[in-house]
Amino acid sequence: KHGARVVGRIVQRRGVSAGGARKMALPYS
């Protein structure tokens, strides 16, 4: 709608594993 054309998508998910679930609200870096 704002004039861009999406040519690809990347998704980073956090908290899928048991170790990541405790840090879900934090970015990886």
mmCIF file of all heavy atoms, coordinates in Angstrom:
data_MODEL
# 
_entry.id   MODEL 
# 
loop_
_atom_site.group_PDB 
_atom_site.id 
_atom_site.type_symbol 
_atom_site.label_atom_id 
_atom_site.label_alt_id 
_atom_site.label_comp_id 
_atom_site.label_asym_id 
_atom_site.label_entity_id 
_atom_site.label_seq_id 
_atom_site.pdbx_PDB_ins_code 
_atom_site.Cartn_x 
_atom_site.Cartn_y 
_atom_site.Cartn_z 
_atom_site.occupancy 
_atom_site.B_iso_or_equiv 
_atom_site.pdbx_formal_charge 
_atom_site.auth_seq_id 
_atom_site.auth_comp_id 
_atom_site.auth_asym_id 
_atom_site.auth_atom_id 
_atom_site.pdbx_PDB_model_num 
ATOM 1   N N   . LYS A 1 1  ? 0.828  -1.209  0.000  1.00 0.00 ? 1  LYS A N   1 
ATOM 2   C CA  . LYS A 1 1  ? 0.000  0.000   0.000  1.00 0.00 ? 1  LYS A CA  1 
ATOM 3   C C   . LYS A 1 1  ? 0.864  1.262   0.000  1.00 0.00 ? 1  LYS A C   1 
ATOM 4   O O   . LYS A 1 1  ? 0.466  2.285   -0.543 1.00 0.00 ? 1  LYS A O   1 
ATOM 5   C CB  . LYS A 1 1  ? -0.922 -0.009  1.222  1.00 0.00 ? 1  LYS A CB  1 
ATOM 6   C CG  . LYS A 1 1  ? -1.964 1.079   1.212  1.00 0.00 ? 1  LYS A CG  1 
ATOM 7   C CD  . LYS A 1 1  ? -2.991 0.881   2.301  1.00 0.00 ? 1  LYS A CD  1 
ATOM 8   C CE  . LYS A 1 1  ? -2.469 1.448   3.594  1.00 0.00 ? 1  LYS A CE  1 
ATOM 9   N NZ  . LYS A 1 1  ? -3.464 1.408   4.680  1.00 0.00 ? 1  LYS A NZ  1 
ATOM 10  N N   . HIS A 1 2  ? 2.046  1.186   0.598  1.00 0.00 ? 2  HIS A N   1 
ATOM 11  C CA  . HIS A 1 2  ? 2.947  2.346   0.653  1.00 0.00 ? 2  HIS A CA  1 
ATOM 12  C C   . HIS A 1 2  ? 3.966  2.354   -0.479 1.00 0.00 ? 2  HIS A C   1 
ATOM 13  O O   . HIS A 1 2  ? 4.969  3.069   -0.420 1.00 0.00 ? 2  HIS A O   1 
ATOM 14  C CB  . HIS A 1 2  ? 3.637  2.405   2.017  1.00 0.00 ? 2  HIS A CB  1 
ATOM 15  C CG  . HIS A 1 2  ? 2.724  2.872   3.089  1.00 0.00 ? 2  HIS A CG  1 
ATOM 16  N ND1 . HIS A 1 2  ? 1.914  2.027   3.802  1.00 0.00 ? 2  HIS A ND1 1 
ATOM 17  C CD2 . HIS A 1 2  ? 2.462  4.121   3.551  1.00 0.00 ? 2  HIS A CD2 1 
ATOM 18  C CE1 . HIS A 1 2  ? 1.196  2.722   4.659  1.00 0.00 ? 2  HIS A CE1 1 
ATOM 19  N NE2 . HIS A 1 2  ? 1.503  3.994   4.530  1.00 0.00 ? 2  HIS A NE2 1 
ATOM 20  N N   . GLY A 1 3  ? 3.738  1.548   -1.501 1.00 0.00 ? 3  GLY A N   1 
ATOM 21  C CA  . GLY A 1 3  ? 4.551  1.638   -2.709 1.00 0.00 ? 3  GLY A CA  1 
ATOM 22  C C   . GLY A 1 3  ? 5.677  0.637   -2.824 1.00 0.00 ? 3  GLY A C   1 
ATOM 23  O O   . GLY A 1 3  ? 6.409  0.641   -3.809 1.00 0.00 ? 3  GLY A O   1 
ATOM 24  N N   . ALA A 1 4  ? 5.869  -0.232  -1.861 1.00 0.00 ? 4  ALA A N   1 
ATOM 25  C CA  . ALA A 1 4  ? 6.954  -1.214  -1.925 1.00 0.00 ? 4  ALA A CA  1 
ATOM 26  C C   . ALA A 1 4  ? 6.448  -2.518  -2.543 1.00 0.00 ? 4  ALA A C   1 
ATOM 27  O O   . ALA A 1 4  ? 5.250  -2.802  -2.535 1.00 0.00 ? 4  ALA A O   1 
ATOM 28  C CB  . ALA A 1 4  ? 7.501  -1.486  -0.534 1.00 0.00 ? 4  ALA A CB  1 
ATOM 29  N N   . ARG A 1 5  ? 7.370  -3.286  -3.060 1.00 0.00 ? 5  ARG A N   1 
ATOM 30  C CA  . ARG A 1 5  ? 7.035  -4.603  -3.597 1.00 0.00 ? 5  ARG A CA  1 
ATOM 31  C C   . ARG A 1 5  ? 7.814  -5.639  -2.803 1.00 0.00 ? 5  ARG A C   1 
ATOM 32  O O   . ARG A 1 5  ? 9.043  -5.609  -2.783 1.00 0.00 ? 5  ARG A O   1 
ATOM 33  C CB  . ARG A 1 5  ? 7.408  -4.670  -5.066 1.00 0.00 ? 5  ARG A CB  1 
ATOM 34  C CG  . ARG A 1 5  ? 6.858  -5.896  -5.769 1.00 0.00 ? 5  ARG A CG  1 
ATOM 35  C CD  . ARG A 1 5  ? 7.199  -5.846  -7.210 1.00 0.00 ? 5  ARG A CD  1 
ATOM 36  N NE  . ARG A 1 5  ? 8.641  -6.118  -7.299 1.00 0.00 ? 5  ARG A NE  1 
ATOM 37  C CZ  . ARG A 1 5  ? 9.240  -6.549  -8.378 1.00 0.00 ? 5  ARG A CZ  1 
ATOM 38  N NH1 . ARG A 1 5  ? 8.565  -6.699  -9.480 1.00 0.00 ? 5  ARG A NH1 1 
ATOM 39  N NH2 . ARG A 1 5  ? 10.526 -6.789  -8.389 1.00 0.00 ? 5  ARG A NH2 1 
ATOM 40  N N   . VAL A 1 6  ? 7.114  -6.547  -2.127 1.00 0.00 ? 6  VAL A N   1 
ATOM 41  C CA  . VAL A 1 6  ? 7.756  -7.559  -1.287 1.00 0.00 ? 6  VAL A CA  1 
ATOM 42  C C   . VAL A 1 6  ? 8.261  -8.678  -2.189 1.00 0.00 ? 6  VAL A C   1 
ATOM 43  O O   . VAL A 1 6  ? 7.478  -9.342  -2.869 1.00 0.00 ? 6  VAL A O   1 
ATOM 44  C CB  . VAL A 1 6  ? 6.777  -8.102  -0.223 1.00 0.00 ? 6  VAL A CB  1 
ATOM 45  C CG1 . VAL A 1 6  ? 7.446  -9.188  0.605  1.00 0.00 ? 6  VAL A CG1 1 
ATOM 46  C CG2 . VAL A 1 6  ? 6.290  -6.971  0.670  1.00 0.00 ? 6  VAL A CG2 1 
ATOM 47  N N   . VAL A 1 7  ? 9.591  -8.888  -2.186 1.00 0.00 ? 7  VAL A N   1 
ATOM 48  C CA  . VAL A 1 7  ? 10.191 -9.921  -3.038 1.00 0.00 ? 7  VAL A CA  1 
ATOM 49  C C   . VAL A 1 7  ? 10.675 -11.123 -2.239 1.00 0.00 ? 7  VAL A C   1 
ATOM 50  O O   . VAL A 1 7  ? 11.104 -12.112 -2.814 1.00 0.00 ? 7  VAL A O   1 
ATOM 51  C CB  . VAL A 1 7  ? 11.356 -9.339  -3.882 1.00 0.00 ? 7  VAL A CB  1 
ATOM 52  C CG1 . VAL A 1 7  ? 10.828 -8.304  -4.862 1.00 0.00 ? 7  VAL A CG1 1 
ATOM 53  C CG2 . VAL A 1 7  ? 12.432 -8.743  -2.993 1.00 0.00 ? 7  VAL A CG2 1 
ATOM 54  N N   . GLY A 1 8  ? 10.622 -11.045 -0.915 1.00 0.00 ? 8  GLY A N   1 
ATOM 55  C CA  . GLY A 1 8  ? 11.035 -12.166 -0.086 1.00 0.00 ? 8  GLY A CA  1 
ATOM 56  C C   . GLY A 1 8  ? 10.629 -11.951 1.355  1.00 0.00 ? 8  GLY A C   1 
ATOM 57  O O   . GLY A 1 8  ? 10.346 -10.825 1.776  1.00 0.00 ? 8  GLY A O   1 
ATOM 58  N N   . ARG A 1 9  ? 10.575 -13.067 2.102  1.00 0.00 ? 9  ARG A N   1 
ATOM 59  C CA  . ARG A 1 9  ? 10.184 -13.001 3.514  1.00 0.00 ? 9  ARG A CA  1 
ATOM 60  C C   . ARG A 1 9  ? 11.115 -13.882 4.339  1.00 0.00 ? 9  ARG A C   1 
ATOM 61  O O   . ARG A 1 9  ? 11.470 -14.976 3.925  1.00 0.00 ? 9  ARG A O   1 
ATOM 62  C CB  . ARG A 1 9  ? 8.761  -13.506 3.716  1.00 0.00 ? 9  ARG A CB  1 
ATOM 63  C CG  . ARG A 1 9  ? 7.717  -12.684 3.031  1.00 0.00 ? 9  ARG A CG  1 
ATOM 64  C CD  . ARG A 1 9  ? 6.359  -13.288 3.240  1.00 0.00 ? 9  ARG A CD  1 
ATOM 65  N NE  . ARG A 1 9  ? 5.356  -12.550 2.504  1.00 0.00 ? 9  ARG A NE  1 
ATOM 66  C CZ  . ARG A 1 9  ? 4.084  -12.612 2.764  1.00 0.00 ? 9  ARG A CZ  1 
ATOM 67  N NH1 . ARG A 1 9  ? 3.626  -13.371 3.740  1.00 0.00 ? 9  ARG A NH1 1 
ATOM 68  N NH2 . ARG A 1 9  ? 3.221  -11.914 2.056  1.00 0.00 ? 9  ARG A NH2 1 
ATOM 69  N N   . ILE A 1 10 ? 11.471 -13.381 5.520  1.00 0.00 ? 10 ILE A N   1 
ATOM 70  C CA  . ILE A 1 10 ? 12.279 -14.126 6.481  1.00 0.00 ? 10 ILE A CA  1 
ATOM 71  C C   . ILE A 1 10 ? 11.597 -14.002 7.836  1.00 0.00 ? 10 ILE A C   1 
ATOM 72  O O   . ILE A 1 10 ? 11.180 -12.915 8.220  1.00 0.00 ? 10 ILE A O   1 
ATOM 73  C CB  . ILE A 1 10 ? 13.719 -13.554 6.588  1.00 0.00 ? 10 ILE A CB  1 
ATOM 74  C CG1 . ILE A 1 10 ? 14.468 -13.693 5.270  1.00 0.00 ? 10 ILE A CG1 1 
ATOM 75  C CG2 . ILE A 1 10 ? 14.481 -14.192 7.723  1.00 0.00 ? 10 ILE A CG2 1 
ATOM 76  C CD1 . ILE A 1 10 ? 15.070 -15.045 5.013  1.00 0.00 ? 10 ILE A CD1 1 
ATOM 77  N N   . VAL A 1 11 ? 11.514 -15.121 8.569  1.00 0.00 ? 11 VAL A N   1 
ATOM 78  C CA  . VAL A 1 11 ? 10.912 -15.110 9.899  1.00 0.00 ? 11 VAL A CA  1 
ATOM 79  C C   . VAL A 1 11 ? 11.921 -15.649 10.902 1.00 0.00 ? 11 VAL A C   1 
ATOM 80  O O   . VAL A 1 11 ? 12.505 -16.707 10.687 1.00 0.00 ? 11 VAL A O   1 
ATOM 81  C CB  . VAL A 1 11 ? 9.626  -15.971 9.939  1.00 0.00 ? 11 VAL A CB  1 
ATOM 82  C CG1 . VAL A 1 11 ? 9.101  -16.089 11.353 1.00 0.00 ? 11 VAL A CG1 1 
ATOM 83  C CG2 . VAL A 1 11 ? 8.572  -15.387 9.026  1.00 0.00 ? 11 VAL A CG2 1 
ATOM 84  N N   . GLN A 1 12 ? 12.129 -14.912 11.983 1.00 0.00 ? 12 GLN A N   1 
ATOM 85  C CA  . GLN A 1 12 ? 12.956 -15.355 13.115 1.00 0.00 ? 12 GLN A CA  1 
ATOM 86  C C   . GLN A 1 12 ? 12.002 -15.605 14.259 1.00 0.00 ? 12 GLN A C   1 
ATOM 87  O O   . GLN A 1 12 ? 11.278 -14.712 14.671 1.00 0.00 ? 12 GLN A O   1 
ATOM 88  C CB  . GLN A 1 12 ? 13.958 -14.267 13.508 1.00 0.00 ? 12 GLN A CB  1 
ATOM 89  C CG  . GLN A 1 12 ? 14.720 -14.541 14.782 1.00 0.00 ? 12 GLN A CG  1 
ATOM 90  C CD  . GLN A 1 12 ? 15.886 -15.478 14.577 1.00 0.00 ? 12 GLN A CD  1 
ATOM 91  O OE1 . GLN A 1 12 ? 16.824 -15.127 13.901 1.00 0.00 ? 12 GLN A OE1 1 
ATOM 92  N NE2 . GLN A 1 12 ? 15.823 -16.658 15.147 1.00 0.00 ? 12 GLN A NE2 1 
ATOM 93  N N   . ARG A 1 13 ? 11.976 -16.845 14.759 1.00 0.00 ? 13 ARG A N   1 
ATOM 94  C CA  . ARG A 1 13 ? 11.099 -17.178 15.885 1.00 0.00 ? 13 ARG A CA  1 
ATOM 95  C C   . ARG A 1 13 ? 11.948 -17.428 17.107 1.00 0.00 ? 13 ARG A C   1 
ATOM 96  O O   . ARG A 1 13 ? 12.998 -18.022 17.035 1.00 0.00 ? 13 ARG A O   1 
ATOM 97  C CB  . ARG A 1 13 ? 10.263 -18.399 15.540 1.00 0.00 ? 13 ARG A CB  1 
ATOM 98  C CG  . ARG A 1 13 ? 9.400  -18.069 14.330 1.00 0.00 ? 13 ARG A CG  1 
ATOM 99  C CD  . ARG A 1 13 ? 8.238  -18.939 14.114 1.00 0.00 ? 13 ARG A CD  1 
ATOM 100 N NE  . ARG A 1 13 ? 7.354  -18.975 15.243 1.00 0.00 ? 13 ARG A NE  1 
ATOM 101 C CZ  . ARG A 1 13 ? 6.625  -20.034 15.533 1.00 0.00 ? 13 ARG A CZ  1 
ATOM 102 N NH1 . ARG A 1 13 ? 6.683  -21.103 14.796 1.00 0.00 ? 13 ARG A NH1 1 
ATOM 103 N NH2 . ARG A 1 13 ? 5.821  -20.019 16.565 1.00 0.00 ? 13 ARG A NH2 1 
ATOM 104 N N   . ARG A 1 14 ? 11.447 -16.985 18.245 1.00 0.00 ? 14 ARG A N   1 
ATOM 105 C CA  . ARG A 1 14 ? 12.162 -17.112 19.506 1.00 0.00 ? 14 ARG A CA  1 
ATOM 106 C C   . ARG A 1 14 ? 11.301 -17.848 20.508 1.00 0.00 ? 14 ARG A C   1 
ATOM 107 O O   . ARG A 1 14 ? 10.121 -17.584 20.608 1.00 0.00 ? 14 ARG A O   1 
ATOM 108 C CB  . ARG A 1 14 ? 12.486 -15.722 20.052 1.00 0.00 ? 14 ARG A CB  1 
ATOM 109 C CG  . ARG A 1 14 ? 13.253 -15.700 21.346 1.00 0.00 ? 14 ARG A CG  1 
ATOM 110 C CD  . ARG A 1 14 ? 14.698 -16.046 21.065 1.00 0.00 ? 14 ARG A CD  1 
ATOM 111 N NE  . ARG A 1 14 ? 15.475 -16.224 22.258 1.00 0.00 ? 14 ARG A NE  1 
ATOM 112 C CZ  . ARG A 1 14 ? 16.375 -15.367 22.684 1.00 0.00 ? 14 ARG A CZ  1 
ATOM 113 N NH1 . ARG A 1 14 ? 16.577 -14.253 22.045 1.00 0.00 ? 14 ARG A NH1 1 
ATOM 114 N NH2 . ARG A 1 14 ? 17.082 -15.655 23.741 1.00 0.00 ? 14 ARG A NH2 1 
ATOM 115 N N   . GLY A 1 15 ? 11.888 -18.775 21.227 1.00 0.00 ? 15 GLY A N   1 
ATOM 116 C CA  . GLY A 1 15 ? 11.164 -19.460 22.274 1.00 0.00 ? 15 GLY A CA  1 
ATOM 117 C C   . GLY A 1 15 ? 10.554 -20.767 21.845 1.00 0.00 ? 15 GLY A C   1 
ATOM 118 O O   . GLY A 1 15 ? 9.690  -21.298 22.522 1.00 0.00 ? 15 GLY A O   1 
ATOM 119 N N   . VAL A 1 16 ? 10.981 -21.299 20.706 1.00 0.00 ? 16 VAL A N   1 
ATOM 120 C CA  . VAL A 1 16 ? 10.452 -22.568 20.239 1.00 0.00 ? 16 VAL A CA  1 
ATOM 121 C C   . VAL A 1 16 ? 11.014 -23.700 21.089 1.00 0.00 ? 16 VAL A C   1 
ATOM 122 O O   . VAL A 1 16 ? 10.320 -24.626 21.456 1.00 0.00 ? 16 VAL A O   1 
ATOM 123 C CB  . VAL A 1 16 ? 10.777 -22.777 18.746 1.00 0.00 ? 16 VAL A CB  1 
ATOM 124 C CG1 . VAL A 1 16 ? 10.281 -24.121 18.265 1.00 0.00 ? 16 VAL A CG1 1 
ATOM 125 C CG2 . VAL A 1 16 ? 10.163 -21.651 17.929 1.00 0.00 ? 16 VAL A CG2 1 
ATOM 126 N N   . SER A 1 17 ? 12.290 -23.609 21.451 1.00 0.00 ? 17 SER A N   1 
ATOM 127 C CA  . SER A 1 17 ? 12.914 -24.626 22.295 1.00 0.00 ? 17 SER A CA  1 
ATOM 128 C C   . SER A 1 17 ? 12.709 -24.271 23.766 1.00 0.00 ? 17 SER A C   1 
ATOM 129 O O   . SER A 1 17 ? 12.313 -23.159 24.113 1.00 0.00 ? 17 SER A O   1 
ATOM 130 C CB  . SER A 1 17 ? 14.413 -24.708 21.998 1.00 0.00 ? 17 SER A CB  1 
ATOM 131 O OG  . SER A 1 17 ? 15.036 -23.514 22.407 1.00 0.00 ? 17 SER A OG  1 
ATOM 132 N N   . ALA A 1 18 ? 13.016 -25.219 24.656 1.00 0.00 ? 18 ALA A N   1 
ATOM 133 C CA  . ALA A 1 18 ? 12.862 -24.982 26.095 1.00 0.00 ? 18 ALA A CA  1 
ATOM 134 C C   . ALA A 1 18 ? 13.786 -23.865 26.571 1.00 0.00 ? 18 ALA A C   1 
ATOM 135 O O   . ALA A 1 18 ? 13.409 -23.040 27.396 1.00 0.00 ? 18 ALA A O   1 
ATOM 136 C CB  . ALA A 1 18 ? 13.135 -26.260 26.870 1.00 0.00 ? 18 ALA A CB  1 
ATOM 137 N N   . GLY A 1 19 ? 15.014 -23.818 26.056 1.00 0.00 ? 19 GLY A N   1 
ATOM 138 C CA  . GLY A 1 19 ? 15.962 -22.775 26.466 1.00 0.00 ? 19 GLY A CA  1 
ATOM 139 C C   . GLY A 1 19 ? 15.536 -21.400 26.000 1.00 0.00 ? 19 GLY A C   1 
ATOM 140 O O   . GLY A 1 19 ? 15.714 -20.404 26.698 1.00 0.00 ? 19 GLY A O   1 
ATOM 141 N N   . GLY A 1 20 ? 14.955 -21.324 24.801 1.00 0.00 ? 20 GLY A N   1 
ATOM 142 C CA  . GLY A 1 20 ? 14.535 -20.042 24.262 1.00 0.00 ? 20 GLY A CA  1 
ATOM 143 C C   . GLY A 1 20 ? 13.264 -19.518 24.893 1.00 0.00 ? 20 GLY A C   1 
ATOM 144 O O   . GLY A 1 20 ? 12.994 -18.324 24.876 1.00 0.00 ? 20 GLY A O   1 
ATOM 145 N N   . ALA A 1 21 ? 12.451 -20.419 25.474 1.00 0.00 ? 21 ALA A N   1 
ATOM 146 C CA  . ALA A 1 21 ? 11.177 -19.992 26.067 1.00 0.00 ? 21 ALA A CA  1 
ATOM 147 C C   . ALA A 1 21 ? 11.379 -19.041 27.236 1.00 0.00 ? 21 ALA A C   1 
ATOM 148 O O   . ALA A 1 21 ? 10.571 -18.153 27.466 1.00 0.00 ? 21 ALA A O   1 
ATOM 149 C CB  . ALA A 1 21 ? 10.381 -21.215 26.530 1.00 0.00 ? 21 ALA A CB  1 
ATOM 150 N N   . ARG A 1 22 ? 12.478 -19.194 27.969 1.00 0.00 ? 22 ARG A N   1 
ATOM 151 C CA  . ARG A 1 22 ? 12.743 -18.307 29.104 1.00 0.00 ? 22 ARG A CA  1 
ATOM 152 C C   . ARG A 1 22 ? 13.150 -16.910 28.647 1.00 0.00 ? 22 ARG A C   1 
ATOM 153 O O   . ARG A 1 22 ? 13.034 -15.952 29.392 1.00 0.00 ? 22 ARG A O   1 
ATOM 154 C CB  . ARG A 1 22 ? 13.847 -18.902 29.972 1.00 0.00 ? 22 ARG A CB  1 
ATOM 155 C CG  . ARG A 1 22 ? 13.416 -20.119 30.759 1.00 0.00 ? 22 ARG A CG  1 
ATOM 156 C CD  . ARG A 1 22 ? 14.500 -20.531 31.717 1.00 0.00 ? 22 ARG A CD  1 
ATOM 157 N NE  . ARG A 1 22 ? 15.743 -20.858 31.025 1.00 0.00 ? 22 ARG A NE  1 
ATOM 158 C CZ  . ARG A 1 22 ? 16.106 -22.095 30.661 1.00 0.00 ? 22 ARG A CZ  1 
ATOM 159 N NH1 . ARG A 1 22 ? 15.326 -23.108 30.937 1.00 0.00 ? 22 ARG A NH1 1 
ATOM 160 N NH2 . ARG A 1 22 ? 17.241 -22.307 30.040 1.00 0.00 ? 22 ARG A NH2 1 
ATOM 161 N N   . LYS A 1 23 ? 13.648 -16.796 27.425 1.00 0.00 ? 23 LYS A N   1 
ATOM 162 C CA  . LYS A 1 23 ? 14.162 -15.515 26.938 1.00 0.00 ? 23 LYS A CA  1 
ATOM 163 C C   . LYS A 1 23 ? 13.308 -14.937 25.812 1.00 0.00 ? 23 LYS A C   1 
ATOM 164 O O   . LYS A 1 23 ? 13.786 -14.147 25.024 1.00 0.00 ? 23 LYS A O   1 
ATOM 165 C CB  . LYS A 1 23 ? 15.585 -15.722 26.424 1.00 0.00 ? 23 LYS A CB  1 
ATOM 166 C CG  . LYS A 1 23 ? 16.529 -16.267 27.447 1.00 0.00 ? 23 LYS A CG  1 
ATOM 167 C CD  . LYS A 1 23 ? 17.876 -16.524 26.822 1.00 0.00 ? 23 LYS A CD  1 
ATOM 168 C CE  . LYS A 1 23 ? 18.824 -17.165 27.793 1.00 0.00 ? 23 LYS A CE  1 
ATOM 169 N NZ  . LYS A 1 23 ? 20.091 -17.497 27.164 1.00 0.00 ? 23 LYS A NZ  1 
ATOM 170 N N   . MET A 1 24 ? 12.058 -15.336 25.741 1.00 0.00 ? 24 MET A N   1 
ATOM 171 C CA  . MET A 1 24 ? 11.211 -14.974 24.612 1.00 0.00 ? 24 MET A CA  1 
ATOM 172 C C   . MET A 1 24 ? 11.075 -13.484 24.363 1.00 0.00 ? 24 MET A C   1 
ATOM 173 O O   . MET A 1 24 ? 11.010 -13.045 23.233 1.00 0.00 ? 24 MET A O   1 
ATOM 174 C CB  . MET A 1 24 ? 9.818  -15.565 24.793 1.00 0.00 ? 24 MET A CB  1 
ATOM 175 C CG  . MET A 1 24 ? 9.658  -16.828 24.052 1.00 0.00 ? 24 MET A CG  1 
ATOM 176 S SD  . MET A 1 24 ? 7.967  -17.319 24.031 1.00 0.00 ? 24 MET A SD  1 
ATOM 177 C CE  . MET A 1 24 ? 7.887  -18.267 25.510 1.00 0.00 ? 24 MET A CE  1 
ATOM 178 N N   . ALA A 1 25 ? 10.991 -12.698 25.391 1.00 0.00 ? 25 ALA A N   1 
ATOM 179 C CA  . ALA A 1 25 ? 10.762 -11.263 25.211 1.00 0.00 ? 25 ALA A CA  1 
ATOM 180 C C   . ALA A 1 25 ? 12.019 -10.524 24.768 1.00 0.00 ? 25 ALA A C   1 
ATOM 181 O O   . ALA A 1 25 ? 11.943 -9.380  24.336 1.00 0.00 ? 25 ALA A O   1 
ATOM 182 C CB  . ALA A 1 25 ? 10.246 -10.653 26.510 1.00 0.00 ? 25 ALA A CB  1 
ATOM 183 N N   . LEU A 1 26 ? 13.172 -11.160 24.851 1.00 0.00 ? 26 LEU A N   1 
ATOM 184 C CA  . LEU A 1 26 ? 14.434 -10.512 24.507 1.00 0.00 ? 26 LEU A CA  1 
ATOM 185 C C   . LEU A 1 26 ? 14.818 -10.793 23.055 1.00 0.00 ? 26 LEU A C   1 
ATOM 186 O O   . LEU A 1 26 ? 14.550 -11.878 22.546 1.00 0.00 ? 26 LEU A O   1 
ATOM 187 C CB  . LEU A 1 26 ? 15.548 -11.033 25.421 1.00 0.00 ? 26 LEU A CB  1 
ATOM 188 C CG  . LEU A 1 26 ? 15.326 -10.871 26.922 1.00 0.00 ? 26 LEU A CG  1 
ATOM 189 C CD1 . LEU A 1 26 ? 16.432 -11.577 27.683 1.00 0.00 ? 26 LEU A CD1 1 
ATOM 190 C CD2 . LEU A 1 26 ? 15.269 -9.411  27.284 1.00 0.00 ? 26 LEU A CD2 1 
ATOM 191 N N   . PRO A 1 27 ? 15.467 -9.851  22.388 1.00 0.00 ? 27 PRO A N   1 
ATOM 192 C CA  . PRO A 1 27 ? 15.967 -10.139 21.049 1.00 0.00 ? 27 PRO A CA  1 
ATOM 193 C C   . PRO A 1 27 ? 17.164 -11.086 21.135 1.00 0.00 ? 27 PRO A C   1 
ATOM 194 O O   . PRO A 1 27 ? 17.793 -11.214 22.182 1.00 0.00 ? 27 PRO A O   1 
ATOM 195 C CB  . PRO A 1 27 ? 16.389 -8.763  20.525 1.00 0.00 ? 27 PRO A CB  1 
ATOM 196 C CG  . PRO A 1 27 ? 16.643 -7.966  21.745 1.00 0.00 ? 27 PRO A CG  1 
ATOM 197 C CD  . PRO A 1 27 ? 15.726 -8.496  22.808 1.00 0.00 ? 27 PRO A CD  1 
ATOM 198 N N   . TYR A 1 28 ? 17.467 -11.768 20.044 1.00 0.00 ? 28 TYR A N   1 
ATOM 199 C CA  . TYR A 1 28 ? 18.645 -12.617 20.026 1.00 0.00 ? 28 TYR A CA  1 
ATOM 200 C C   . TYR A 1 28 ? 19.898 -11.789 20.279 1.00 0.00 ? 28 TYR A C   1 
ATOM 201 O O   . TYR A 1 28 ? 20.804 -12.209 20.952 1.00 0.00 ? 28 TYR A O   1 
ATOM 202 C CB  . TYR A 1 28 ? 18.786 -13.331 18.677 1.00 0.00 ? 28 TYR A CB  1 
ATOM 203 C CG  . TYR A 1 28 ? 18.071 -14.647 18.644 1.00 0.00 ? 28 TYR A CG  1 
ATOM 204 C CD1 . TYR A 1 28 ? 16.838 -14.774 18.049 1.00 0.00 ? 28 TYR A CD1 1 
ATOM 205 C CD2 . TYR A 1 28 ? 18.634 -15.766 19.223 1.00 0.00 ? 28 TYR A CD2 1 
ATOM 206 C CE1 . TYR A 1 28 ? 16.180 -15.983 18.019 1.00 0.00 ? 28 TYR A CE1 1 
ATOM 207 C CE2 . TYR A 1 28 ? 17.981 -16.982 19.203 1.00 0.00 ? 28 TYR A CE2 1 
ATOM 208 C CZ  . TYR A 1 28 ? 16.753 -17.082 18.603 1.00 0.00 ? 28 TYR A CZ  1 
ATOM 209 O OH  . TYR A 1 28 ? 16.108 -18.275 18.581 1.00 0.00 ? 28 TYR A OH  1 
ATOM 210 N N   . SER A 1 29 ? 19.942 -10.617 19.693 1.00 0.00 ? 29 SER A N   1 
ATOM 211 C CA  . SER A 1 29 ? 21.097 -9.746  19.836 1.00 0.00 ? 29 SER A CA  1 
ATOM 212 C C   . SER A 1 29 ? 20.610 -8.305  19.937 1.00 0.00 ? 29 SER A C   1 
ATOM 213 O O   . SER A 1 29 ? 19.786 -7.881  19.131 1.00 0.00 ? 29 SER A O   1 
ATOM 214 C CB  . SER A 1 29 ? 22.007 -9.905  18.615 1.00 0.00 ? 29 SER A CB  1 
ATOM 215 O OG  . SER A 1 29 ? 22.933 -8.860  18.540 1.00 0.00 ? 29 SER A OG  1 
# 
